[in-house]
Protein backbone atom coordinates (compact mmCIF):
# COMPACT_ATOMS: atom_id res chain seq x y z
CA MET A 1 28.16 20.04 -30.16
CA ALA A 2 29.27 16.94 -28.08
CA ALA A 3 28.40 16.12 -24.39
CA SER A 4 29.53 13.34 -22.59
CA LYS A 5 28.37 11.67 -18.71
CA LEU A 6 30.58 11.56 -15.80
CA GLY A 7 30.91 7.79 -14.75
CA ASN A 8 30.62 6.88 -11.04
CA HIS A 9 34.00 7.47 -10.04
CA ASP A 10 35.65 9.79 -12.21
CA ARG A 11 37.15 12.79 -11.39
CA ILE A 12 34.79 15.89 -13.31
CA SER A 13 38.22 17.71 -14.75
CA THR A 14 39.21 14.02 -16.27
CA ALA A 15 35.70 14.01 -18.10
CA VAL A 16 35.82 17.22 -19.54
CA VAL A 17 39.54 16.41 -20.82
CA GLU A 18 38.14 13.12 -22.09
CA ALA A 19 35.34 14.98 -23.73
CA LEU A 20 37.83 17.71 -25.11
CA ALA A 21 40.27 14.79 -26.35
CA ASP A 22 37.34 13.33 -28.22
CA ALA A 23 35.64 16.33 -29.79
CA ASN A 24 39.36 17.27 -31.29
CA ASP A 25 40.29 13.77 -32.72
CA VAL A 26 43.45 14.21 -30.24
CA ASP A 27 45.22 12.33 -27.57
CA PRO A 28 44.49 14.33 -23.90
CA LEU A 29 47.88 15.24 -23.72
CA GLU A 30 47.78 17.48 -27.01
CA LEU A 31 45.31 19.83 -25.50
CA ASP A 32 45.92 22.96 -23.65
CA PRO A 33 45.94 22.03 -19.86
CA LEU A 34 42.53 22.28 -18.14
CA TYR A 35 44.37 24.44 -15.17
CA GLU A 36 44.61 27.36 -17.83
CA ALA A 37 40.65 27.29 -18.31
CA VAL A 38 40.05 26.52 -14.90
CA ASP A 39 41.15 25.52 -11.40
CA PRO A 40 40.49 21.38 -11.70
CA ASP A 41 40.94 20.69 -7.86
CA ALA A 42 37.79 23.34 -7.61
CA LEU A 43 36.01 22.17 -9.91
CA ASP A 44 36.14 18.57 -9.09
CA SER A 45 35.35 19.84 -5.65
CA LEU A 46 32.33 21.96 -6.77
CA PHE A 47 30.81 18.67 -8.26
CA SER A 48 31.40 16.23 -5.48
CA THR A 49 29.90 15.98 -1.95
CA SER A 50 31.40 15.46 1.24
CA ASP A 51 31.63 12.14 1.05
CA GLY A 52 33.73 11.41 -2.61
CA SER A 53 30.61 11.00 -4.76
CA THR A 54 29.25 13.33 -7.25
CA GLY A 55 26.04 14.97 -7.70
CA ILE A 56 25.28 18.31 -5.82
CA PRO A 57 21.51 19.62 -6.47
CA HIS A 58 21.92 21.78 -8.95
CA GLY A 59 24.33 24.22 -10.83
CA THR A 60 26.43 24.51 -13.62
CA VAL A 61 29.88 26.15 -14.63
CA ARG A 62 30.61 27.84 -17.77
CA PHE A 63 34.46 28.08 -19.37
CA THR A 64 36.06 28.46 -22.86
CA THR A 65 39.35 25.83 -23.42
CA ASN A 66 40.26 24.23 -26.78
CA GLY A 67 38.12 25.96 -28.98
CA TYR A 68 34.83 24.74 -27.01
CA GLU A 69 32.72 26.49 -24.58
CA VAL A 70 32.25 23.72 -21.68
CA GLU A 71 28.99 23.09 -19.95
CA VAL A 72 29.57 21.13 -16.72
CA THR A 73 26.16 20.32 -14.62
CA SER A 74 25.95 18.89 -11.07
CA THR A 75 24.64 15.97 -13.29
CA GLY A 76 27.97 15.27 -13.90
CA ARG A 77 27.25 15.75 -17.62
CA VAL A 78 29.93 17.89 -19.69
CA HIS A 79 28.39 20.02 -22.97
CA LEU A 80 30.53 21.38 -25.43
CA THR A 81 29.93 23.77 -27.92
CA PRO A 82 32.48 25.08 -30.63
CA GLU A 83 34.00 28.79 -29.79
CA GLU A 84 32.40 30.16 -33.05
CA SER A 85 29.17 28.55 -33.08
CA VAL A 86 29.13 30.42 -29.45
CA GLU A 87 30.24 33.62 -31.02
CA ALA A 88 27.56 33.46 -34.16
CA VAL A 89 24.72 33.14 -31.29
CA SER A 90 25.76 36.19 -29.26
């Protein structure tokens, strides 16, 4: 399991791609495009406020891509769980 935290001025979609690249030990351009799993603009909009800062009171989004279940929380945390671990628990 891997986790990362959103920086102050980063888009959450960028944080997801960077976390996936780190977890897979590859360049971000080698990953399947994020838009094949989730709309990056919608993800960014969901986790930003009207003034463009991040942080909404609560919420979580989960999706699978590039061999991981990705969980993004309203705190800006990106948590990755390998798909085989998720399947083993189900």
